[in-house]
Amino acid sequence: MNSEGPLAVLWVGVAIGAFFTALIWLNTLLPMFLTPLFVIPVTWLLEKLGIGKPRE
């Protein structure tokens, strides 16, 4: 049974909404910034190994 009142329920609802909004925002932005950190070194490695060079 909830005895805190309607203001507390609204406050908790806003807090949970903000939390999940931040979570979605973080999960969308992280791949955009982390992907180049892995892709660029892999391309350097592939070039050094001679894999994926254009055929002449």
Protein backbone atom coordinates (compact mmCIF):
# COMPACT_ATOMS: atom_id res chain seq x y z
CA MET A 1 0.00 0.00 0.00
CA ASN A 2 1.31 3.41 -0.98
CA SER A 3 1.08 6.02 1.78
CA GLU A 4 3.49 8.68 0.48
CA GLY A 5 0.95 10.69 -1.48
CA PRO A 6 0.49 11.66 -5.12
CA LEU A 7 3.41 14.12 -5.23
CA ALA A 8 5.89 11.39 -4.29
CA VAL A 9 4.45 9.08 -6.91
CA LEU A 10 4.82 11.78 -9.56
CA TRP A 11 8.35 12.56 -8.41
CA VAL A 12 9.38 8.90 -8.62
CA GLY A 13 7.73 8.65 -12.04
CA VAL A 14 9.71 11.63 -13.31
CA ALA A 15 12.92 10.20 -11.87
CA ILE A 16 12.37 6.80 -13.47
CA GLY A 17 11.49 8.48 -16.78
CA ALA A 18 14.68 10.55 -16.65
CA PHE A 19 16.73 7.48 -15.80
CA PHE A 20 15.43 5.47 -18.74
CA THR A 21 15.76 8.45 -21.08
CA ALA A 22 19.41 8.79 -20.06
CA LEU A 23 19.90 5.05 -20.49
CA ILE A 24 18.49 5.09 -24.02
CA TRP A 25 20.54 8.18 -24.86
CA LEU A 26 23.72 6.55 -23.58
CA ASN A 27 23.05 3.30 -25.43
CA THR A 28 22.57 5.23 -28.68
CA LEU A 29 25.63 7.45 -28.35
CA LEU A 30 28.15 4.91 -27.06
CA PRO A 31 28.34 2.85 -30.27
CA MET A 32 28.93 6.00 -32.33
CA PHE A 33 31.97 6.91 -30.25
CA LEU A 34 33.31 3.43 -29.46
CA THR A 35 33.07 1.88 -32.92
CA PRO A 36 35.89 3.97 -34.45
CA LEU A 37 38.14 3.05 -31.53
CA PHE A 38 37.97 -0.56 -32.69
CA VAL A 39 37.51 -0.18 -36.46
CA ILE A 40 40.49 2.12 -37.10
CA PRO A 41 43.11 -0.10 -35.40
CA VAL A 42 41.67 -3.17 -37.14
CA THR A 43 42.06 -1.50 -40.52
CA TRP A 44 45.66 -0.58 -39.64
CA LEU A 45 46.30 -4.20 -38.68
CA LEU A 46 44.72 -5.52 -41.87
CA GLU A 47 46.84 -3.16 -43.98
CA LYS A 48 50.03 -4.29 -42.24
CA LEU A 49 49.12 -7.93 -42.78
CA GLY A 50 48.31 -7.26 -46.44
CA ILE A 51 44.74 -8.40 -46.09
CA GLY A 52 42.08 -6.48 -47.94
CA LYS A 53 44.42 -4.62 -50.28
CA PRO A 54 42.83 -3.68 -53.59
CA ARG A 55 43.84 -5.99 -56.43
CA GLU A 56 45.73 -4.44 -59.29
